Amino acid sequence: MILLTASAGCKTTTNLTTAPTPSNQQQIEIVSVFGPLKPINPGGPIIEITLKNIGSEPVISLSATIELNKSFVFSYDVTALNPLLTGKTVSVKLSLIGAGYDDSLYYPLTINGTIQNGVTFIYTNQVRIGAK
């Protein structure tokens, strides 16, 4: 397993190394990005990104885009009828066909979404692939 670690915007845990960023500036926290997951895909690794709502409002749309050798968009099942409530997490798995990455480099992960009151947010954290 490989763990993608965030360089900003996350709390420090055993498997996640981050630089502190005030949580009031971001609605979503990167909890983890694991890969490659089984079954092994010869076309590219299967990656799972887990995000957490650390804001005070429910999130009604959410996506995360990682830039490796091309863009890969993780779309979350978060809607007005199925909001991501404060303190809750959501995960998506995606096969990154044709992806290549180096566990010593940082890559941009852009978080994009809308909270229940209609306000949108977008920001980018630098993430690094590391061993779990």
C-alpha atoms as a PDB file:
ATOM      1  CA  MET A   1       0.000   0.000   0.000  1.00  0.00           C
ATOM      2  CA  ILE A   2       1.096   3.551  -0.644  1.00  0.00           C
ATOM      3  CA  LEU A   3      -0.170   6.545   1.309  1.00  0.00           C
ATOM      4  CA  LEU A   4      -0.520   9.952  -0.256  1.00  0.00           C
ATOM      5  CA  THR A   5       0.260  12.505   2.435  1.00  0.00           C
ATOM      6  CA  ALA A   6      -0.818  16.104   2.479  1.00  0.00           C
ATOM      7  CA  SER A   7       1.656  18.867   3.065  1.00  0.00           C
ATOM      8  CA  ALA A   8      -0.975  21.333   4.236  1.00  0.00           C
ATOM      9  CA  GLY A   9      -4.425  21.357   5.745  1.00  0.00           C
ATOM     10  CA  CYS A  10      -4.432  18.097   7.695  1.00  0.00           C
ATOM     11  CA  LYS A  11      -3.891  17.042  11.266  1.00  0.00           C
ATOM     12  CA  THR A  12      -0.748  15.053  11.934  1.00  0.00           C
ATOM     13  CA  THR A  13      -1.334  11.326  12.473  1.00  0.00           C
ATOM     14  CA  THR A  14       0.897   8.286  12.501  1.00  0.00           C
ATOM     15  CA  ASN A  15       0.585   7.877   8.733  1.00  0.00           C
ATOM     16  CA  LEU A  16       0.062  11.478   7.670  1.00  0.00           C
ATOM     17  CA  THR A  17       2.730  14.195   7.773  1.00  0.00           C
ATOM     18  CA  THR A  18       1.483  17.740   7.309  1.00  0.00           C
ATOM     19  CA  ALA A  19       2.347  21.366   7.760  1.00  0.00           C
ATOM     20  CA  PRO A  20      -0.223  23.123   9.994  1.00  0.00           C
ATOM     21  CA  THR A  21      -2.832  25.300   8.301  1.00  0.00           C
ATOM     22  CA  PRO A  22      -5.645  27.025  10.202  1.00  0.00           C
ATOM     23  CA  SER A  23      -8.699  24.787   9.779  1.00  0.00           C
ATOM     24  CA  ASN A  24     -11.028  27.809   9.548  1.00  0.00           C
ATOM     25  CA  GLN A  25      -9.562  28.489   6.096  1.00  0.00           C
ATOM     26  CA  GLN A  26     -10.560  25.119   4.666  1.00  0.00           C
ATOM     27  CA  GLN A  27     -13.868  23.269   4.622  1.00  0.00           C
ATOM     28  CA  ILE A  28     -12.385  19.845   3.833  1.00  0.00           C
ATOM     29  CA  GLU A  29      -9.508  17.916   5.390  1.00  0.00           C
ATOM     30  CA  ILE A  30      -7.579  15.249   3.502  1.00  0.00           C
ATOM     31  CA  VAL A  31      -7.803  12.181   5.733  1.00  0.00           C
ATOM     32  CA  SER A  32      -5.928   9.717   3.521  1.00  0.00           C
ATOM     33  CA  VAL A  33      -5.045   8.723  -0.008  1.00  0.00           C
ATOM     34  CA  PHE A  34      -4.113   5.066  -0.302  1.00  0.00           C
ATOM     35  CA  GLY A  35      -2.860   3.100  -3.263  1.00  0.00           C
ATOM     36  CA  PRO A  36      -2.341   0.985  -5.098  1.00  0.00           C
ATOM     37  CA  LEU A  37      -5.354  -1.004  -3.897  1.00  0.00           C
ATOM     38  CA  LYS A  38      -6.204  -4.563  -4.911  1.00  0.00           C
ATOM     39  CA  PRO A  39      -7.005  -5.900  -7.380  1.00  0.00           C
ATOM     40  CA  ILE A  40      -3.819  -4.650  -9.033  1.00  0.00           C
ATOM     41  CA  ASN A  41      -4.606  -2.980 -12.347  1.00  0.00           C
ATOM     42  CA  PRO A  42      -1.811  -3.206 -14.944  1.00  0.00           C
ATOM     43  CA  GLY A  43      -3.106  -0.022 -16.645  1.00  0.00           C
ATOM     44  CA  GLY A  44      -2.614   2.087 -13.526  1.00  0.00           C
ATOM     45  CA  PRO A  45      -3.017   1.982  -9.762  1.00  0.00           C
ATOM     46  CA  ILE A  46      -6.350   2.071  -7.937  1.00  0.00           C
ATOM     47  CA  ILE A  47      -6.258   4.972  -5.475  1.00  0.00           C
ATOM     48  CA  GLU A  48      -8.685   5.829  -2.659  1.00  0.00           C
ATOM     49  CA  ILE A  49      -8.990   9.406  -1.380  1.00  0.00           C
ATOM     50  CA  THR A  50     -10.854   9.987   1.890  1.00  0.00           C
ATOM     51  CA  LEU A  51     -11.957  13.516   2.780  1.00  0.00           C
ATOM     52  CA  LYS A  52     -13.576  14.936   5.929  1.00  0.00           C
ATOM     53  CA  ASN A  53     -15.881  17.928   6.389  1.00  0.00           C
ATOM     54  CA  ILE A  54     -14.190  20.064   9.054  1.00  0.00           C
ATOM     55  CA  GLY A  55     -16.391  23.100   8.407  1.00  0.00           C
ATOM     56  CA  SER A  56     -19.513  24.140  10.268  1.00  0.00           C
ATOM     57  CA  GLU A  57     -21.886  23.645   7.291  1.00  0.00           C
ATOM     58  CA  PRO A  58     -22.870  20.508   5.339  1.00  0.00           C
ATOM     59  CA  VAL A  59     -21.176  20.084   1.948  1.00  0.00           C
ATOM     60  CA  ILE A  60     -23.531  19.446  -1.019  1.00  0.00           C
ATOM     61  CA  SER A  61     -20.995  18.924  -3.826  1.00  0.00           C
ATOM     62  CA  LEU A  62     -17.396  17.730  -3.664  1.00  0.00           C
ATOM     63  CA  SER A  63     -14.573  16.658  -5.950  1.00  0.00           C
ATOM     64  CA  ALA A  64     -10.817  16.279  -5.707  1.00  0.00           C
ATOM     65  CA  THR A  65      -8.412  16.482  -8.647  1.00  0.00           C
ATOM     66  CA  ILE A  66      -4.879  15.172  -8.432  1.00  0.00           C
ATOM     67  CA  GLU A  67      -2.316  16.227 -11.015  1.00  0.00           C
ATOM     68  CA  LEU A  68       0.150  13.444 -11.754  1.00  0.00           C
ATOM     69  CA  ASN A  69       1.246  13.117 -15.372  1.00  0.00           C
ATOM     70  CA  LYS A  70      -2.361  14.180 -16.158  1.00  0.00           C
ATOM     71  CA  SER A  71      -5.461  15.197 -14.187  1.00  0.00           C
ATOM     72  CA  PHE A  72      -7.514  12.592 -12.325  1.00  0.00           C
ATOM     73  CA  VAL A  73     -10.873  13.717 -10.902  1.00  0.00           C
ATOM     74  CA  PHE A  74     -12.392  11.977  -7.880  1.00  0.00           C
ATOM     75  CA  SER A  75     -16.137  12.783  -7.787  1.00  0.00           C
ATOM     76  CA  TYR A  76     -17.854  12.196  -4.443  1.00  0.00           C
ATOM     77  CA  ASP A  77     -21.481  11.105  -3.936  1.00  0.00           C
ATOM     78  CA  VAL A  78     -22.340  14.329  -2.108  1.00  0.00           C
ATOM     79  CA  THR A  79     -25.560  16.173  -3.013  1.00  0.00           C
ATOM     80  CA  ALA A  80     -28.235  18.356  -1.406  1.00  0.00           C
ATOM     81  CA  LEU A  81     -30.144  15.127  -0.707  1.00  0.00           C
ATOM     82  CA  ASN A  82     -26.987  13.360   0.519  1.00  0.00           C
ATOM     83  CA  PRO A  83     -24.831  16.078   2.127  1.00  0.00           C
ATOM     84  CA  LEU A  84     -21.474  15.503   3.785  1.00  0.00           C
ATOM     85  CA  LEU A  85     -22.217  16.553   7.345  1.00  0.00           C
ATOM     86  CA  THR A  86     -19.739  18.237   9.678  1.00  0.00           C
ATOM     87  CA  GLY A  87     -17.269  15.724  11.111  1.00  0.00           C
ATOM     88  CA  LYS A  88     -18.138  13.004   8.574  1.00  0.00           C
ATOM     89  CA  THR A  89     -15.859  11.432   5.955  1.00  0.00           C
ATOM     90  CA  VAL A  90     -16.397  10.245   2.395  1.00  0.00           C
ATOM     91  CA  SER A  91     -14.190   8.078   0.146  1.00  0.00           C
ATOM     92  CA  VAL A  92     -13.845   7.406  -3.563  1.00  0.00           C
ATOM     93  CA  LYS A  93     -11.726   4.831  -5.387  1.00  0.00           C
ATOM     94  CA  LEU A  94     -10.480   5.497  -8.913  1.00  0.00           C
ATOM     95  CA  SER A  95      -8.243   3.568 -11.287  1.00  0.00           C
ATOM     96  CA  LEU A  96      -5.604   5.987 -12.525  1.00  0.00           C
ATOM     97  CA  ILE A  97      -5.057   4.583 -16.018  1.00  0.00           C
ATOM     98  CA  GLY A  98      -1.678   5.639 -17.346  1.00  0.00           C
ATOM     99  CA  ALA A  99      -0.654   7.284 -14.070  1.00  0.00           C
ATOM    100  CA  GLY A 100       2.904   7.415 -12.968  1.00  0.00           C
ATOM    101  CA  TYR A 101       4.194   8.989  -9.796  1.00  0.00           C
ATOM    102  CA  ASP A 102       7.288   9.229  -7.657  1.00  0.00           C
ATOM    103  CA  ASP A 103       6.947   8.808  -3.887  1.00  0.00           C
ATOM    104  CA  SER A 104       9.603  11.486  -3.301  1.00  0.00           C
ATOM    105  CA  LEU A 105       7.693  14.231  -5.145  1.00  0.00           C
ATOM    106  CA  TYR A 106       4.740  16.414  -4.163  1.00  0.00           C
ATOM    107  CA  TYR A 107       1.674  16.694  -6.400  1.00  0.00           C
ATOM    108  CA  PRO A 108      -1.184  19.216  -6.330  1.00  0.00           C
ATOM    109  CA  LEU A 109      -4.550  17.944  -5.050  1.00  0.00           C
ATOM    110  CA  THR A 110      -7.338  20.458  -5.667  1.00  0.00           C
ATOM    111  CA  ILE A 111     -10.456  20.254  -3.485  1.00  0.00           C
ATOM    112  CA  ASN A 112     -13.580  21.808  -5.022  1.00  0.00           C
ATOM    113  CA  GLY A 113     -17.077  21.958  -3.553  1.00  0.00           C
ATOM    114  CA  THR A 114     -20.176  23.779  -2.423  1.00  0.00           C
ATOM    115  CA  ILE A 115     -21.562  24.138   1.081  1.00  0.00           C
ATOM    116  CA  GLN A 116     -25.274  24.044   1.871  1.00  0.00           C
ATOM    117  CA  ASN A 117     -25.717  27.829   1.839  1.00  0.00           C
ATOM    118  CA  GLY A 118     -24.475  27.943  -1.791  1.00  0.00           C
ATOM    119  CA  VAL A 119     -20.957  29.221  -1.098  1.00  0.00           C
ATOM    120  CA  THR A 120     -18.320  27.461  -3.201  1.00  0.00           C
ATOM    121  CA  PHE A 121     -14.749  26.708  -2.219  1.00  0.00           C
ATOM    122  CA  ILE A 122     -11.644  25.608  -4.063  1.00  0.00           C
ATOM    123  CA  TYR A 123      -8.089  25.224  -2.823  1.00  0.00           C
ATOM    124  CA  THR A 124      -5.025  23.133  -3.516  1.00  0.00           C
ATOM    125  CA  ASN A 125      -2.835  21.163  -1.135  1.00  0.00           C
ATOM    126  CA  GLN A 126       0.493  19.647  -2.114  1.00  0.00           C
ATOM    127  CA  VAL A 127       0.488  15.892  -1.457  1.00  0.00           C
ATOM    128  CA  ARG A 128       3.215  13.283  -1.520  1.00  0.00           C
ATOM    129  CA  ILE A 129       2.993   9.545  -2.060  1.00  0.00           C
ATOM    130  CA  GLY A 130       4.558   7.670   0.831  1.00  0.00           C
ATOM    131  CA  ALA A 131       4.629   4.150   2.193  1.00  0.00           C
ATOM    132  CA  LYS A 132       1.921   3.233   4.671  1.00  0.00           C
END
